[in-house]
Amino acid sequence: MKILVAIKQVAARDSQLQVAPDAKWIDESNLEFEINEPDAYALEEALQLRDAHGGEVVALCAGPERATSTIREALAKGADRAIHVEVDDIESWDALSVAKILAAAAQS
């Protein structure tokens, strides 16, 4: 059984958010990032299912190069493999577009 867990990198909870100079997004230059908390729970559940029933856990993340740290965190927690769809401007994509690229990556 293969278990696919979509994970997202988000700003750390204690980060101070500031608006970017162009006033269209937040200034990410001084932020720390971490795995989204609900996604961390999903990853942990997937690992428990794998341990109980066998199989493979694959972490899937779409985002800029900095999301590599989130993927490494998922691998360190026990995921067997990880797929990173590198997209630099993911924050400007709508949910359907992100879902389509994640679905395409999941089929590979």
Protein backbone atom coordinates (compact mmCIF):
# COMPACT_ATOMS: atom_id res chain seq x y z
CA MET A 1 0.00 0.00 0.00
CA LYS A 2 1.28 3.47 -0.86
CA ILE A 3 0.18 6.36 1.32
CA LEU A 4 0.55 9.83 -0.18
CA VAL A 5 0.68 12.76 2.22
CA ALA A 6 0.50 16.27 0.81
CA ILE A 7 2.47 18.67 2.99
CA LYS A 8 2.69 22.43 2.90
CA GLN A 9 5.35 24.77 4.17
CA VAL A 10 4.02 27.71 6.16
CA ALA A 11 5.51 30.55 8.18
CA ALA A 12 6.33 29.52 11.74
CA ARG A 13 3.62 30.41 14.24
CA ASP A 14 5.77 32.90 16.14
CA SER A 15 6.96 34.74 13.02
CA GLN A 16 6.36 38.47 12.77
CA LEU A 17 4.60 39.07 9.46
CA GLN A 18 5.30 42.26 7.55
CA VAL A 19 3.84 43.44 4.27
CA ALA A 20 6.27 43.40 1.34
CA PRO A 21 7.24 46.71 -0.27
CA ASP A 22 4.96 46.03 -3.26
CA ALA A 23 2.02 45.59 -0.82
CA LYS A 24 0.88 42.43 -2.63
CA TRP A 25 2.25 39.77 -0.29
CA ILE A 26 4.25 39.36 2.90
CA ASP A 27 7.97 39.99 3.19
CA GLU A 28 9.48 36.51 3.43
CA SER A 29 13.10 37.57 3.85
CA ASN A 30 13.18 37.26 7.66
CA LEU A 31 10.65 34.44 8.17
CA GLU A 32 11.24 30.95 9.45
CA PHE A 33 9.19 28.17 7.87
CA GLU A 34 7.86 24.86 9.13
CA ILE A 35 5.53 22.06 8.10
CA ASN A 36 1.84 22.94 8.38
CA GLU A 37 0.59 21.50 11.71
CA PRO A 38 -2.39 19.54 10.31
CA ASP A 39 -0.07 18.11 7.64
CA ALA A 40 2.36 16.99 10.36
CA TYR A 41 -0.53 15.12 12.02
CA ALA A 42 -1.44 13.52 8.68
CA LEU A 43 2.17 12.45 8.18
CA GLU A 44 2.29 10.90 11.64
CA GLU A 45 -0.95 9.00 11.00
CA ALA A 46 0.39 7.76 7.66
CA LEU A 47 3.54 6.51 9.38
CA GLN A 48 1.46 4.66 11.96
CA LEU A 49 -0.64 3.07 9.20
CA ARG A 50 2.50 1.99 7.38
CA ASP A 51 3.93 0.47 10.54
CA ALA A 52 0.70 -1.42 11.23
CA HIS A 53 -0.08 -2.61 7.69
CA GLY A 54 3.13 -2.24 5.69
CA GLY A 55 3.64 -0.18 2.57
CA GLU A 56 5.29 3.09 1.74
CA VAL A 57 4.73 6.70 2.81
CA VAL A 58 5.39 9.35 0.17
CA ALA A 59 5.44 13.04 1.12
CA LEU A 60 4.39 15.44 -1.65
CA CYS A 61 5.06 19.17 -1.54
CA ALA A 62 4.69 21.96 -4.09
CA GLY A 63 6.58 25.17 -3.45
CA PRO A 64 9.77 27.12 -3.96
CA GLU A 65 13.26 25.77 -3.35
CA ARG A 66 13.05 26.68 0.35
CA ALA A 67 10.38 23.96 0.75
CA THR A 68 13.22 21.46 0.62
CA SER A 69 13.62 21.90 4.38
CA THR A 70 10.01 20.78 4.90
CA ILE A 71 10.59 17.74 2.70
CA ARG A 72 13.71 16.87 4.66
CA GLU A 73 11.71 17.16 7.86
CA ALA A 74 9.12 14.69 6.51
CA LEU A 75 11.89 12.27 5.54
CA ALA A 76 13.50 12.65 8.97
CA LYS A 77 10.17 11.81 10.61
CA GLY A 78 10.09 8.55 8.65
CA ALA A 79 8.61 9.08 5.18
CA ASP A 80 10.07 6.61 2.69
CA ARG A 81 10.16 8.97 -0.28
CA ALA A 82 9.36 12.55 -1.11
CA ILE A 83 8.34 14.43 -4.23
CA HIS A 84 9.01 18.17 -4.55
CA VAL A 85 7.22 20.06 -7.30
CA GLU A 86 9.28 23.22 -7.47
CA VAL A 87 7.07 26.25 -8.14
CA ASP A 88 8.44 29.68 -7.28
CA ASP A 89 5.19 31.66 -7.32
CA ILE A 90 2.89 29.11 -5.63
CA GLU A 91 1.19 31.80 -3.52
CA SER A 92 -0.31 33.31 -6.68
CA TRP A 93 -1.88 30.00 -7.79
CA ASP A 94 -5.47 29.10 -7.02
CA ALA A 95 -6.39 25.88 -5.21
CA LEU A 96 -7.51 24.04 -8.36
CA SER A 97 -4.23 24.73 -10.16
CA VAL A 98 -2.21 23.49 -7.19
CA ALA A 99 -4.41 20.39 -6.97
CA LYS A 100 -3.80 19.64 -10.65
CA ILE A 101 0.00 19.80 -10.33
CA LEU A 102 -0.10 17.68 -7.16
CA ALA A 103 -2.31 15.11 -8.92
CA ALA A 104 0.07 14.98 -11.89
CA ALA A 105 3.05 14.51 -9.57
CA ALA A 106 1.24 11.78 -7.62
CA GLN A 107 0.78 9.74 -10.80
CA SER A 108 4.52 9.61 -11.40
